[in-house]
Amino acid sequence: MNQEMLSRLKKAREKHSIMAVYRDGLEVEDYSGIPVAVGRQLVILHRNRDFLLDGYAALRLEDITELEQMDDNDFIRKVCVGEKLYDKASAPRLTSAEDWFQLLGGIKGSFGGWLAVECVSEGELCFYLGTISRVDVNFLQLRQVDADGFRHEEDTTVPLQDLLMVTFGDRYLEIYKKYTNKK
């Protein structure tokens, strides 16, 4: 990420602008939202879905290849003001979001550890959903929840260097949390 894009993200955070974040070269979904934290390595977006703010996405700054301001016309700003998106945007309760280790510790403490993780392992894109069992400066230990709502018996280990994105605090995870078998 170049300095110009970093400056744009920081300005968007100050003005509560909705930004689309693109990560060319990765076969992953693009995200949009209001930047609520910009650290040394990460940006946290309060995610925008159909003019609703729903949870957070933390992405590596180094993966961002393009930014687009989505509320740069009068009509979209009118909708955002009318739906109170700008008023509702807030940073999550975390001690810090400078790097993955600090972010994950905050998610464990403030969000019950529930998260979804996107990473690359051995050249393959991986997606995990579950709760944080343990985190250290090198690894995330995750108690995975499968598509049937059952927790895996053993933890999944994810090297922090392989993380591309972490989402947390959204309706999707809250629904999984509510209905997951508590084994």
N, C-alpha and C. Protein backbone atom coordinates (compact mmCIF):
# COMPACT_ATOMS: atom_id res chain seq x y z
N MET A 1 0.85 -1.17 0.00
CA MET A 1 0.00 0.00 0.00
C MET A 1 0.90 1.23 0.00
N ASN A 2 0.56 2.17 -0.86
CA ASN A 2 1.38 3.38 -0.92
C ASN A 2 0.86 4.43 0.07
N GLN A 3 1.64 5.47 0.27
CA GLN A 3 1.31 6.53 1.23
C GLN A 3 0.04 7.28 0.86
N GLU A 4 -0.20 7.44 -0.44
CA GLU A 4 -1.40 8.16 -0.88
C GLU A 4 -2.67 7.40 -0.46
N MET A 5 -2.66 6.07 -0.63
CA MET A 5 -3.83 5.28 -0.22
C MET A 5 -3.98 5.27 1.30
N LEU A 6 -2.87 5.19 2.01
CA LEU A 6 -2.92 5.23 3.47
C LEU A 6 -3.50 6.55 3.95
N SER A 7 -3.10 7.63 3.32
CA SER A 7 -3.64 8.95 3.64
C SER A 7 -5.15 9.01 3.36
N ARG A 8 -5.58 8.41 2.25
CA ARG A 8 -7.01 8.39 1.91
C ARG A 8 -7.82 7.61 2.95
N LEU A 9 -7.26 6.50 3.43
CA LEU A 9 -7.95 5.71 4.46
C LEU A 9 -8.08 6.51 5.76
N LYS A 10 -7.02 7.19 6.13
CA LYS A 10 -7.06 7.99 7.37
C LYS A 10 -8.05 9.14 7.24
N LYS A 11 -8.09 9.77 6.08
CA LYS A 11 -9.04 10.85 5.84
C LYS A 11 -10.48 10.32 5.87
N ALA A 12 -10.69 9.14 5.28
CA ALA A 12 -12.02 8.51 5.29
C ALA A 12 -12.44 8.18 6.72
N ARG A 13 -11.49 7.76 7.55
CA ARG A 13 -11.79 7.48 8.97
C ARG A 13 -12.27 8.75 9.66
N GLU A 14 -11.59 9.85 9.43
CA GLU A 14 -11.94 11.13 10.06
C GLU A 14 -13.31 11.64 9.60
N LYS A 15 -13.61 11.46 8.31
CA LYS A 15 -14.85 11.99 7.74
C LYS A 15 -15.99 10.98 7.71
N HIS A 16 -15.74 9.76 8.17
CA HIS A 16 -16.73 8.67 8.12
C HIS A 16 -17.20 8.39 6.69
N SER A 17 -16.30 8.41 5.74
CA SER A 17 -16.63 8.11 4.35
C SER A 17 -16.70 6.61 4.14
N ILE A 18 -17.59 6.19 3.27
CA ILE A 18 -17.70 4.77 2.94
C ILE A 18 -16.72 4.48 1.80
N MET A 19 -15.87 3.49 2.06
CA MET A 19 -14.84 3.14 1.09
C MET A 19 -14.99 1.69 0.65
N ALA A 20 -14.80 1.46 -0.65
CA ALA A 20 -14.67 0.10 -1.16
C ALA A 20 -13.18 -0.20 -1.18
N VAL A 21 -12.82 -1.38 -0.68
CA VAL A 21 -11.42 -1.79 -0.59
C VAL A 21 -11.22 -2.98 -1.52
N TYR A 22 -10.30 -2.85 -2.45
CA TYR A 22 -10.02 -3.90 -3.42
C TYR A 22 -8.65 -4.51 -3.13
N ARG A 23 -8.56 -5.82 -3.35
CA ARG A 23 -7.31 -6.55 -3.12
C ARG A 23 -7.04 -7.41 -4.35
N ASP A 24 -6.59 -6.77 -5.42
CA ASP A 24 -6.30 -7.48 -6.67
C ASP A 24 -5.23 -8.54 -6.44
N GLY A 25 -5.33 -9.61 -7.20
CA GLY A 25 -4.35 -10.68 -7.08
C GLY A 25 -4.74 -11.73 -6.05
N LEU A 26 -5.74 -11.44 -5.24
CA LEU A 26 -6.26 -12.42 -4.29
C LEU A 26 -7.65 -12.81 -4.75
N GLU A 27 -7.94 -14.08 -4.72
CA GLU A 27 -9.28 -14.53 -5.12
C GLU A 27 -10.21 -14.45 -3.92
N VAL A 28 -10.47 -13.21 -3.49
CA VAL A 28 -11.27 -12.97 -2.30
C VAL A 28 -12.31 -11.90 -2.59
N GLU A 29 -13.29 -11.83 -1.72
CA GLU A 29 -14.34 -10.83 -1.83
C GLU A 29 -13.78 -9.45 -1.50
N ASP A 30 -14.28 -8.44 -2.20
CA ASP A 30 -13.95 -7.07 -1.88
C ASP A 30 -14.91 -6.59 -0.80
N TYR A 31 -14.49 -5.64 -0.01
CA TYR A 31 -15.30 -5.16 1.10
C TYR A 31 -15.51 -3.66 1.02
N SER A 32 -16.62 -3.23 1.59
CA SER A 32 -16.86 -1.80 1.72
C SER A 32 -17.31 -1.51 3.14
N GLY A 33 -17.00 -0.31 3.57
CA GLY A 33 -17.38 0.11 4.91
C GLY A 33 -16.71 1.41 5.26
N ILE A 34 -16.96 1.82 6.47
CA ILE A 34 -16.37 3.05 6.98
C ILE A 34 -15.12 2.69 7.77
N PRO A 35 -13.95 3.17 7.37
CA PRO A 35 -12.75 2.88 8.15
C PRO A 35 -12.90 3.47 9.56
N VAL A 36 -12.75 2.63 10.58
CA VAL A 36 -12.88 3.11 11.95
C VAL A 36 -11.56 3.00 12.72
N ALA A 37 -10.58 2.30 12.15
CA ALA A 37 -9.24 2.21 12.74
C ALA A 37 -8.25 1.92 11.62
N VAL A 38 -7.14 2.63 11.66
CA VAL A 38 -6.06 2.40 10.72
C VAL A 38 -4.78 2.28 11.53
N GLY A 39 -4.19 1.08 11.53
CA GLY A 39 -2.98 0.83 12.30
C GLY A 39 -1.77 0.70 11.41
N ARG A 40 -0.70 0.18 11.99
CA ARG A 40 0.55 -0.04 11.24
C ARG A 40 0.37 -1.06 10.13
N GLN A 41 -0.40 -2.13 10.43
CA GLN A 41 -0.53 -3.23 9.49
C GLN A 41 -1.95 -3.47 9.02
N LEU A 42 -2.94 -2.94 9.74
CA LEU A 42 -4.34 -3.29 9.49
C LEU A 42 -5.22 -2.07 9.35
N VAL A 43 -6.32 -2.27 8.63
CA VAL A 43 -7.42 -1.31 8.62
C VAL A 43 -8.65 -2.08 9.08
N ILE A 44 -9.49 -1.43 9.90
CA ILE A 44 -10.75 -2.03 10.32
C ILE A 44 -11.87 -1.21 9.72
N LEU A 45 -12.74 -1.90 9.00
CA LEU A 45 -13.92 -1.27 8.40
C LEU A 45 -15.15 -1.64 9.21
N HIS A 46 -16.01 -0.66 9.50
CA HIS A 46 -17.36 -0.96 9.98
C HIS A 46 -18.12 -1.28 8.71
N ARG A 47 -18.42 -2.55 8.51
CA ARG A 47 -18.89 -3.04 7.21
C ARG A 47 -20.25 -2.47 6.82
N ASN A 48 -20.35 -2.08 5.56
CA ASN A 48 -21.58 -1.56 4.97
C ASN A 48 -22.17 -2.63 4.06
N ARG A 49 -23.41 -3.00 4.37
CA ARG A 49 -24.14 -3.95 3.52
C ARG A 49 -25.52 -3.37 3.27
N ASP A 50 -25.76 -2.94 2.07
CA ASP A 50 -27.07 -2.42 1.69
C ASP A 50 -27.54 -1.31 2.64
N PHE A 51 -26.66 -0.38 2.91
CA PHE A 51 -26.93 0.78 3.77
C PHE A 51 -27.22 0.40 5.22
N LEU A 52 -26.64 -0.70 5.65
CA LEU A 52 -26.67 -1.10 7.06
C LEU A 52 -25.24 -1.39 7.49
N LEU A 53 -24.89 -0.97 8.69
CA LEU A 53 -23.58 -1.30 9.23
C LEU A 53 -23.72 -2.62 9.97
N ASP A 54 -22.89 -3.61 9.59
CA ASP A 54 -23.00 -4.95 10.16
C ASP A 54 -21.63 -5.53 10.43
N GLY A 55 -21.15 -5.35 11.62
CA GLY A 55 -19.89 -5.94 12.03
C GLY A 55 -18.68 -5.26 11.44
N TYR A 56 -17.55 -5.92 11.61
CA TYR A 56 -16.26 -5.33 11.25
C TYR A 56 -15.45 -6.30 10.40
N ALA A 57 -14.62 -5.73 9.54
CA ALA A 57 -13.66 -6.50 8.76
C ALA A 57 -12.29 -5.85 8.96
N ALA A 58 -11.33 -6.65 9.37
CA ALA A 58 -9.94 -6.19 9.51
C ALA A 58 -9.15 -6.80 8.35
N LEU A 59 -8.48 -5.93 7.60
CA LEU A 59 -7.73 -6.37 6.43
C LEU A 59 -6.29 -5.88 6.53
N ARG A 60 -5.39 -6.64 5.92
CA ARG A 60 -3.99 -6.21 5.88
C ARG A 60 -3.84 -5.04 4.91
N LEU A 61 -3.16 -4.02 5.35
CA LEU A 61 -2.91 -2.87 4.49
C LEU A 61 -2.10 -3.27 3.25
N GLU A 62 -1.16 -4.17 3.42
CA GLU A 62 -0.27 -4.55 2.31
C GLU A 62 -1.01 -5.19 1.14
N ASP A 63 -2.22 -5.72 1.38
CA ASP A 63 -2.98 -6.38 0.32
C ASP A 63 -3.83 -5.41 -0.49
N ILE A 64 -4.06 -4.22 0.03
CA ILE A 64 -4.97 -3.27 -0.62
C ILE A 64 -4.30 -2.68 -1.85
N THR A 65 -4.98 -2.83 -2.98
CA THR A 65 -4.42 -2.33 -4.24
C THR A 65 -5.20 -1.13 -4.78
N GLU A 66 -6.43 -0.95 -4.31
CA GLU A 66 -7.24 0.17 -4.80
C GLU A 66 -8.31 0.51 -3.76
N LEU A 67 -8.66 1.79 -3.73
CA LEU A 67 -9.72 2.30 -2.86
C LEU A 67 -10.69 3.10 -3.71
N GLU A 68 -11.95 3.04 -3.33
CA GLU A 68 -12.95 3.85 -4.02
C GLU A 68 -13.92 4.40 -2.99
N GLN A 69 -14.11 5.70 -3.02
CA GLN A 69 -15.09 6.31 -2.12
C GLN A 69 -16.48 6.08 -2.70
N MET A 70 -17.35 5.45 -1.92
CA MET A 70 -18.67 5.06 -2.42
C MET A 70 -19.74 6.11 -2.18
N ASP A 71 -19.48 7.02 -1.26
CA ASP A 71 -20.48 8.04 -0.94
C ASP A 71 -20.04 9.41 -1.45
N ASP A 72 -19.48 9.42 -2.64
CA ASP A 72 -18.96 10.68 -3.18
C ASP A 72 -19.95 11.39 -4.10
N ASN A 73 -21.24 11.04 -4.00
CA ASN A 73 -22.23 11.80 -4.76
C ASN A 73 -23.38 12.18 -3.82
N ASP A 74 -24.13 13.18 -4.22
CA ASP A 74 -25.17 13.74 -3.36
C ASP A 74 -26.25 12.72 -2.98
N PHE A 75 -26.64 11.87 -3.92
CA PHE A 75 -27.71 10.93 -3.63
C PHE A 75 -27.29 9.92 -2.56
N ILE A 76 -26.11 9.32 -2.73
CA ILE A 76 -25.64 8.31 -1.77
C ILE A 76 -25.43 8.95 -0.40
N ARG A 77 -24.88 10.15 -0.35
CA ARG A 77 -24.73 10.85 0.94
C ARG A 77 -26.09 11.10 1.58
N LYS A 78 -27.09 11.46 0.78
CA LYS A 78 -28.45 11.69 1.29
C LYS A 78 -29.00 10.41 1.93
N VAL A 79 -28.80 9.28 1.25
CA VAL A 79 -29.25 8.00 1.79
C VAL A 79 -28.51 7.69 3.10
N CYS A 80 -27.22 7.87 3.11
CA CYS A 80 -26.41 7.57 4.30
C CYS A 80 -26.81 8.45 5.49
N VAL A 81 -27.07 9.71 5.22
CA VAL A 81 -27.53 10.60 6.28
C VAL A 81 -28.92 10.18 6.75
N GLY A 82 -29.83 9.92 5.81
CA GLY A 82 -31.19 9.51 6.15
C GLY A 82 -31.23 8.21 6.94
N GLU A 83 -30.34 7.28 6.63
CA GLU A 83 -30.29 6.00 7.33
C GLU A 83 -29.37 6.05 8.55
N LYS A 84 -28.81 7.24 8.82
CA LYS A 84 -27.94 7.48 9.98
C LYS A 84 -26.68 6.61 10.02
N LEU A 85 -26.18 6.24 8.83
CA LEU A 85 -24.97 5.44 8.78
C LEU A 85 -23.78 6.16 9.40
N TYR A 86 -23.65 7.43 9.09
CA TYR A 86 -22.51 8.18 9.61
C TYR A 86 -22.57 8.28 11.13
N ASP A 87 -23.77 8.43 11.68
CA ASP A 87 -23.94 8.53 13.13
C ASP A 87 -23.67 7.19 13.82
N LYS A 88 -23.97 6.11 13.15
CA LYS A 88 -23.85 4.78 13.75
C LYS A 88 -22.44 4.20 13.66
N ALA A 89 -21.63 4.74 12.79
CA ALA A 89 -20.27 4.20 12.62
C ALA A 89 -19.47 4.39 13.89
N SER A 90 -18.82 3.31 14.33
CA SER A 90 -18.00 3.38 15.54
C SER A 90 -16.91 2.34 15.48
N ALA A 91 -15.85 2.61 16.18
CA ALA A 91 -14.77 1.64 16.28
C ALA A 91 -15.17 0.55 17.28
N PRO A 92 -14.75 -0.68 17.05
CA PRO A 92 -15.05 -1.74 18.02
C PRO A 92 -14.26 -1.53 19.30
N ARG A 93 -14.75 -2.11 20.37
CA ARG A 93 -14.05 -2.02 21.66
C ARG A 93 -12.88 -3.00 21.66
N LEU A 94 -11.73 -2.47 21.35
CA LEU A 94 -10.50 -3.26 21.31
C LEU A 94 -9.41 -2.44 21.98
N THR A 95 -8.42 -3.11 22.54
CA THR A 95 -7.31 -2.37 23.13
C THR A 95 -6.45 -1.75 22.04
N SER A 96 -6.31 -2.46 20.92
CA SER A 96 -5.50 -1.96 19.81
C SER A 96 -5.79 -2.80 18.57
N ALA A 97 -5.53 -2.21 17.44
CA ALA A 97 -5.68 -2.93 16.18
C ALA A 97 -4.45 -2.69 15.30
N GLU A 98 -3.31 -2.60 15.93
CA GLU A 98 -2.08 -2.34 15.18
C GLU A 98 -1.63 -3.54 14.36
N ASP A 99 -1.83 -4.74 14.91
CA ASP A 99 -1.40 -5.95 14.22
C ASP A 99 -2.36 -7.08 14.59
N TRP A 100 -2.17 -8.25 13.97
CA TRP A 100 -3.09 -9.37 14.20
C TRP A 100 -3.12 -9.80 15.66
N PHE A 101 -1.97 -9.89 16.30
CA PHE A 101 -1.91 -10.34 17.69
C PHE A 101 -2.77 -9.46 18.59
N GLN A 102 -2.62 -8.16 18.49
CA GLN A 102 -3.39 -7.24 19.32
C GLN A 102 -4.88 -7.28 18.96
N LEU A 103 -5.19 -7.32 17.67
CA LEU A 103 -6.58 -7.37 17.24
C LEU A 103 -7.27 -8.63 17.78
N LEU A 104 -6.63 -9.78 17.63
CA LEU A 104 -7.23 -11.05 18.06
C LEU A 104 -7.43 -11.09 19.57
N GLY A 105 -6.49 -10.54 20.31
CA GLY A 105 -6.66 -10.46 21.76
C GLY A 105 -7.87 -9.61 22.12
N GLY A 106 -8.08 -8.53 21.40
CA GLY A 106 -9.25 -7.69 21.62
C GLY A 106 -10.55 -8.37 21.26
N ILE A 107 -10.55 -9.14 20.18
CA ILE A 107 -11.75 -9.88 19.77
C ILE A 107 -12.08 -10.95 20.82
N LYS A 108 -11.06 -11.59 21.35
CA LYS A 108 -11.30 -12.61 22.38
C LYS A 108 -11.92 -11.96 23.62
N GLY A 109 -11.44 -10.79 23.98
CA GLY A 109 -11.95 -10.12 25.17
C GLY A 109 -13.28 -9.42 25.00
N SER A 110 -13.52 -8.85 23.83
CA SER A 110 -14.71 -8.01 23.65
C SER A 110 -15.83 -8.67 22.84
N PHE A 111 -15.54 -9.69 22.09
CA PHE A 111 -16.55 -10.31 21.23
C PHE A 111 -16.70 -11.81 21.52
N GLY A 112 -16.27 -12.23 22.69
CA GLY A 112 -16.37 -13.64 23.05
C GLY A 112 -15.51 -14.54 22.19
N GLY A 113 -14.60 -13.94 21.43
CA GLY A 113 -13.70 -14.71 20.59
C GLY A 113 -14.28 -15.18 19.28
N TRP A 114 -15.55 -14.85 19.00
CA TRP A 114 -16.18 -15.29 17.75
C TRP A 114 -15.65 -14.48 16.57
N LEU A 115 -15.23 -15.20 15.51
CA LEU A 115 -14.71 -14.54 14.33
C LEU A 115 -14.75 -15.48 13.13
N ALA A 116 -14.57 -14.89 11.97
CA ALA A 116 -14.35 -15.65 10.74
C ALA A 116 -12.99 -15.21 10.22
N VAL A 117 -12.24 -16.17 9.70
CA VAL A 117 -10.86 -15.93 9.29
C VAL A 117 -10.71 -16.34 7.83
N GLU A 118 -10.08 -15.47 7.07
CA GLU A 118 -9.71 -15.76 5.69
C GLU A 118 -8.19 -15.77 5.66
N CYS A 119 -7.61 -16.85 5.13
CA CYS A 119 -6.15 -16.94 5.09
C CYS A 119 -5.71 -17.75 3.88
N VAL A 120 -4.41 -17.75 3.65
CA VAL A 120 -3.81 -18.56 2.61
C VAL A 120 -2.91 -19.58 3.29
N SER A 121 -3.13 -20.84 2.98
CA SER A 121 -2.31 -21.91 3.54
C SER A 121 -1.86 -22.80 2.39
N GLU A 122 -0.56 -22.93 2.25
CA GLU A 122 0.03 -23.74 1.18
C GLU A 122 -0.54 -23.34 -0.18
N GLY A 123 -0.70 -22.05 -0.39
CA GLY A 123 -1.17 -21.52 -1.67
C GLY A 123 -2.67 -21.58 -1.87
N GLU A 124 -3.40 -22.14 -0.93
CA GLU A 124 -4.85 -22.28 -1.04
C GLU A 124 -5.55 -21.27 -0.12
N LEU A 125 -6.64 -20.71 -0.60
CA LEU A 125 -7.46 -19.82 0.20
C LEU A 125 -8.29 -20.66 1.17
N CYS A 126 -8.27 -20.30 2.45
CA CYS A 126 -9.01 -21.03 3.48
C CYS A 126 -9.93 -20.07 4.23
N PHE A 127 -11.05 -20.61 4.69
CA PHE A 127 -12.02 -19.85 5.48
C PHE A 127 -12.36 -20.68 6.71
N TYR A 128 -12.26 -20.06 7.88
CA TYR A 128 -12.61 -20.73 9.13
C TYR A 128 -13.54 -19.83 9.92
N LEU A 129 -14.46 -20.45 10.64
CA LEU A 129 -15.38 -19.74 11.51
C LEU A 129 -15.33 -20.44 12.86
N GLY A 130 -15.33 -19.66 13.94
CA GLY A 130 -15.32 -20.27 15.26
C GLY A 130 -14.91 -19.30 16.33
N THR A 131 -14.34 -19.85 17.40
CA THR A 131 -13.92 -19.02 18.53
C THR A 131 -12.43 -19.17 18.77
N ILE A 132 -11.86 -18.12 19.28
CA ILE A 132 -10.43 -18.12 19.60
C ILE A 132 -10.23 -18.95 20.87
N SER A 133 -9.36 -19.95 20.78
CA SER A 133 -8.96 -20.71 21.96
C SER A 133 -7.74 -20.06 22.60
N ARG A 134 -6.81 -19.66 21.73
CA ARG A 134 -5.55 -19.10 22.22
C ARG A 134 -4.91 -18.31 21.07
N VAL A 135 -4.19 -17.28 21.43
CA VAL A 135 -3.44 -16.52 20.43
C VAL A 135 -2.10 -16.13 21.03
N ASP A 136 -1.04 -16.25 20.23
CA ASP A 136 0.26 -15.73 20.64
C ASP A 136 0.83 -14.93 19.48
N VAL A 137 2.03 -14.48 19.58
CA VAL A 137 2.57 -13.57 18.56
C VAL A 137 2.75 -14.23 17.20
N ASN A 138 2.66 -15.56 17.13
CA ASN A 138 2.86 -16.25 15.86
C ASN A 138 1.64 -17.02 15.36
N PHE A 139 0.78 -17.48 16.28
CA PHE A 139 -0.30 -18.38 15.89
C PHE A 139 -1.63 -18.03 16.54
N LEU A 140 -2.69 -18.36 15.80
CA LEU A 140 -4.06 -18.33 16.30
C LEU A 140 -4.51 -19.77 16.46
N GLN A 141 -5.00 -20.11 17.63
CA GLN A 141 -5.62 -21.42 17.88
C GLN A 141 -7.13 -21.17 17.86
N LEU A 142 -7.81 -21.81 16.92
CA LEU A 142 -9.22 -21.55 16.67
C LEU A 142 -10.02 -22.83 16.87
N ARG A 143 -11.10 -22.74 17.67
CA ARG A 143 -12.03 -23.87 17.80
C ARG A 143 -13.07 -23.67 16.72
N GLN A 144 -12.88 -24.41 15.64
CA GLN A 144 -13.70 -24.25 14.45
C GLN A 144 -15.13 -24.75 14.67
N VAL A 145 -16.07 -24.11 14.00
CA VAL A 145 -17.46 -24.55 13.96
C VAL A 145 -17.74 -24.90 12.51
N ASP A 146 -18.29 -26.09 12.28
CA ASP A 146 -18.55 -26.51 10.90
C ASP A 146 -19.93 -26.05 10.44
N ALA A 147 -20.25 -26.35 9.20
CA ALA A 147 -21.51 -25.89 8.59
C ALA A 147 -22.74 -26.49 9.25
N ASP A 148 -22.56 -27.58 10.01
CA ASP A 148 -23.68 -28.20 10.73
C ASP A 148 -23.82 -27.65 12.15
N GLY A 149 -23.01 -26.67 12.50
CA GLY A 149 -23.12 -26.06 13.82
C GLY A 149 -22.41 -26.81 14.93
N PHE A 150 -21.53 -27.73 14.58
CA PHE A 150 -20.79 -28.47 15.60
C PHE A 150 -19.36 -27.95 15.70
N ARG A 151 -18.88 -27.86 16.93
CA ARG A 151 -17.50 -27.44 17.16
C ARG A 151 -16.56 -28.63 16.91
N HIS A 152 -15.45 -28.37 16.26
CA HIS A 152 -14.44 -29.41 16.10
C HIS A 152 -13.85 -29.73 17.47
N GLU A 153 -13.45 -30.96 17.64
CA GLU A 153 -12.88 -31.35 18.94
C GLU A 153 -11.49 -30.78 19.16
N GLU A 154 -10.73 -30.67 18.08
CA GLU A 154 -9.37 -30.14 18.20
C GLU A 154 -9.29 -28.76 17.57
N ASP A 155 -8.38 -27.97 18.07
CA ASP A 155 -8.19 -26.61 17.55
C ASP A 155 -7.53 -26.65 16.18
N THR A 156 -7.82 -25.64 15.39
CA THR A 156 -7.16 -25.40 14.12
C THR A 156 -6.10 -24.34 14.37
N THR A 157 -4.89 -24.59 13.91
CA THR A 157 -3.80 -23.63 14.09
C THR A 157 -3.61 -22.84 12.80
N VAL A 158 -3.63 -21.52 12.93
CA VAL A 158 -3.45 -20.64 11.78
C VAL A 158 -2.27 -19.71 12.08
N PRO A 159 -1.20 -19.77 11.29
CA PRO A 159 -0.11 -18.81 11.47
C PRO A 159 -0.61 -17.38 11.19
N LEU A 160 -0.28 -16.45 12.06
CA LEU A 160 -0.74 -15.07 11.88
C LEU A 160 -0.26 -14.50 10.56
N GLN A 161 0.90 -14.92 10.09
CA GLN A 161 1.43 -14.40 8.82
C GLN A 161 0.57 -14.82 7.63
N ASP A 162 -0.28 -15.85 7.79
CA ASP A 162 -1.14 -16.32 6.70
C ASP A 162 -2.49 -15.62 6.65
N LEU A 163 -2.82 -14.84 7.68
CA LEU A 163 -4.11 -14.17 7.73
C LEU A 163 -4.22 -13.08 6.67
N LEU A 164 -5.36 -13.05 5.99
CA LEU A 164 -5.65 -12.00 5.02
C LEU A 164 -6.73 -11.06 5.56
N MET A 165 -7.70 -11.65 6.28
CA MET A 165 -8.81 -10.85 6.79
C MET A 165 -9.45 -11.58 7.96
N VAL A 166 -9.97 -10.78 8.89
CA VAL A 166 -10.74 -11.30 10.02
C VAL A 166 -12.01 -10.48 10.09
N THR A 167 -13.16 -11.17 10.20
CA THR A 167 -14.43 -10.46 10.41
C THR A 167 -14.97 -10.85 11.78
N PHE A 168 -15.67 -9.91 12.41
CA PHE A 168 -16.19 -10.14 13.76
C PHE A 168 -17.31 -9.15 14.05
N GLY A 169 -18.13 -9.51 15.03
CA GLY A 169 -19.18 -8.61 15.48
C GLY A 169 -20.35 -8.46 14.52
N ASP A 170 -20.51 -9.38 13.58
CA ASP A 170 -21.61 -9.22 12.61
C ASP A 170 -22.76 -10.17 12.91
N ARG A 171 -23.86 -9.94 12.24
CA ARG A 171 -25.08 -10.72 12.45
C ARG A 171 -24.86 -12.19 12.13
N TYR A 172 -24.13 -12.48 11.08
CA TYR A 172 -23.84 -13.85 10.66
C TYR A 172 -23.21 -14.64 11.81
N LEU A 173 -22.19 -14.07 12.43
CA LEU A 173 -21.52 -14.75 13.54
C LEU A 173 -22.42 -14.85 14.76
N GLU A 174 -23.22 -13.82 15.01
CA GLU A 174 -24.14 -13.86 16.15
C GLU A 174 -25.16 -14.99 15.99
N ILE A 175 -25.64 -15.20 14.78
CA ILE A 175 -26.60 -16.29 14.52
C ILE A 175 -25.90 -17.64 14.73
N TYR A 176 -24.68 -17.80 14.20
CA TYR A 176 -23.94 -19.03 14.44
C TYR A 176 -23.74 -19.27 15.93
N LYS A 177 -23.35 -18.24 16.64
CA LYS A 177 -23.11 -18.35 18.08
C LYS A 177 -24.38 -18.82 18.80
N LYS A 178 -25.50 -18.27 18.41
CA LYS A 178 -26.77 -18.58 19.06
C LYS A 178 -27.17 -20.05 18.87
N TYR A 179 -26.91 -20.60 17.70
CA TYR A 179 -27.41 -21.94 17.38
C TYR A 179 -26.34 -23.04 17.38
N THR A 180 -25.11 -22.70 17.64
CA THR A 180 -24.04 -23.70 17.64
C THR A 180 -24.19 -24.67 18.79
N ASN A 181 -23.97 -25.94 18.49
CA ASN A 181 -23.96 -26.96 19.51
C ASN A 181 -22.82 -26.65 20.48
N LYS A 182 -23.09 -26.62 21.75
CA LYS A 182 -22.13 -26.16 22.77
C LYS A 182 -21.12 -27.22 23.22
N LYS A 183 -20.97 -28.30 22.50
CA LYS A 183 -20.01 -29.36 22.89
C LYS A 183 -18.70 -28.82 23.36
